[in-house]
Amino acid sequence: MKDKNRETEFALALDYDGKSAPRLTAKGRGEVARQIIEIAEEFGVPLHQDPELSALLAQIPLGDEIPETLYRAIAEVIAFAYILTGKFPTGYGKSGSPSD
């Protein structure tokens, strides 16, 4: 993500195993941000731009789970990523509702 005021790119990565809270696994500016984005693209990880959410997540120590106050926002990002990749959480069908 570009910060137009400083023209510095910032990126971060989350890991979500579907069992515990998402965890911040990478964050950085400049060259580190470009590497995070390059690796994500190489592995087909969807990218999402949200400067406000990124600013909040940037305050979390690397390796920590995201705070409960951000669960809803992160759930929307994860849902976005699932839709883009055609994946569905365990126990859910393509309709997005629980499977029987």
Protein backbone atom coordinates (compact mmCIF):
# COMPACT_ATOMS: atom_id res chain seq x y z
CA MET A 1 0.00 0.00 0.00
CA LYS A 2 1.29 3.43 -0.79
CA ASP A 3 1.24 6.22 1.75
CA LYS A 4 0.89 9.20 -0.58
CA ASN A 5 2.11 11.63 2.09
CA ARG A 6 5.48 9.93 2.43
CA GLU A 7 5.47 7.92 -0.80
CA THR A 8 6.46 4.89 1.23
CA GLU A 9 4.97 1.51 0.54
CA PHE A 10 3.78 -0.54 3.53
CA ALA A 11 2.65 -4.17 3.54
CA LEU A 12 1.73 -6.78 6.08
CA ALA A 13 0.69 -10.42 6.08
CA LEU A 14 -1.68 -12.41 8.25
CA ASP A 15 -1.88 -16.14 8.84
CA TYR A 16 -5.22 -17.71 9.63
CA ASP A 17 -5.56 -21.44 10.30
CA GLY A 18 -9.33 -21.37 10.84
CA LYS A 19 -8.96 -22.44 14.47
CA SER A 20 -7.37 -19.56 16.35
CA ALA A 21 -7.25 -15.81 15.81
CA PRO A 22 -5.34 -14.56 12.76
CA ARG A 23 -1.70 -13.79 13.48
CA LEU A 24 0.50 -11.02 12.07
CA THR A 25 3.31 -12.86 10.27
CA ALA A 26 5.07 -10.11 8.31
CA LYS A 27 5.16 -6.34 8.09
CA GLY A 28 7.44 -3.77 6.59
CA ARG A 29 8.03 -0.64 4.53
CA GLY A 30 9.92 0.06 1.35
CA GLU A 31 11.91 -2.91 0.07
CA VAL A 32 10.54 -5.25 2.74
CA ALA A 33 6.99 -4.29 1.73
CA ARG A 34 7.79 -4.95 -1.91
CA GLN A 35 9.16 -8.38 -0.99
CA ILE A 36 6.03 -9.23 1.03
CA ILE A 37 3.84 -8.26 -1.93
CA GLU A 38 6.05 -10.15 -4.40
CA ILE A 39 5.90 -13.34 -2.32
CA ALA A 40 2.12 -13.02 -1.94
CA GLU A 41 1.71 -12.62 -5.69
CA GLU A 42 4.07 -15.55 -6.37
CA PHE A 43 1.94 -17.84 -4.20
CA GLY A 44 -1.42 -16.51 -5.40
CA VAL A 45 -2.31 -14.87 -2.09
CA PRO A 46 -5.01 -12.23 -2.62
CA LEU A 47 -3.97 -8.67 -1.83
CA HIS A 48 -6.26 -6.19 -0.11
CA GLN A 49 -5.67 -2.47 0.34
CA ASP A 50 -7.06 -0.73 3.40
CA PRO A 51 -4.76 2.02 4.73
CA GLU A 52 -6.75 2.55 7.94
CA LEU A 53 -6.82 -1.14 8.83
CA SER A 54 -3.15 -1.46 7.89
CA ALA A 55 -2.26 1.40 10.23
CA LEU A 56 -4.01 -0.39 13.09
CA LEU A 57 -2.42 -3.73 12.29
CA ALA A 58 1.03 -2.12 12.02
CA GLN A 59 0.86 -1.40 15.75
CA ILE A 60 0.62 -5.12 16.58
CA PRO A 61 3.90 -6.84 17.42
CA LEU A 62 5.04 -9.31 14.78
CA GLY A 63 3.85 -12.81 15.61
CA ASP A 64 0.95 -11.68 17.82
CA GLU A 65 -2.68 -12.57 17.24
CA ILE A 66 -4.87 -9.71 16.12
CA PRO A 67 -6.88 -8.13 18.95
CA GLU A 68 -10.51 -9.03 19.36
CA THR A 69 -11.52 -5.47 18.50
CA LEU A 70 -10.35 -6.08 14.92
CA TYR A 71 -12.01 -9.48 14.41
CA ARG A 72 -14.90 -8.18 12.32
CA ALA A 73 -12.67 -6.15 9.98
CA ILE A 74 -10.27 -9.06 9.54
CA ALA A 75 -13.16 -11.49 9.01
CA GLU A 76 -14.27 -9.34 6.07
CA VAL A 77 -10.74 -9.44 4.62
CA ILE A 78 -10.55 -13.22 5.06
CA ALA A 79 -13.98 -13.64 3.44
CA PHE A 80 -12.75 -11.48 0.54
CA ALA A 81 -9.68 -13.72 0.15
CA TYR A 82 -11.79 -16.89 0.30
CA ILE A 83 -14.14 -15.61 -2.40
CA LEU A 84 -11.27 -14.60 -4.69
CA THR A 85 -9.59 -17.99 -4.38
CA GLY A 86 -12.79 -20.04 -4.54
CA LYS A 87 -12.15 -21.56 -1.12
CA PHE A 88 -14.66 -22.02 1.65
CA PRO A 89 -14.21 -22.54 5.39
CA THR A 90 -14.43 -26.11 6.63
CA GLY A 91 -18.06 -27.10 7.00
CA TYR A 92 -19.38 -24.56 4.49
CA GLY A 93 -20.58 -25.23 0.98
CA LYS A 94 -20.28 -23.04 -2.09
CA SER A 95 -23.51 -21.27 -1.14
CA GLY A 96 -21.72 -19.87 1.90
CA SER A 97 -24.06 -21.61 4.31
CA PRO A 98 -23.24 -24.48 6.64
CA SER A 99 -23.18 -27.86 4.90
CA ASP A 100 -25.31 -30.75 6.15
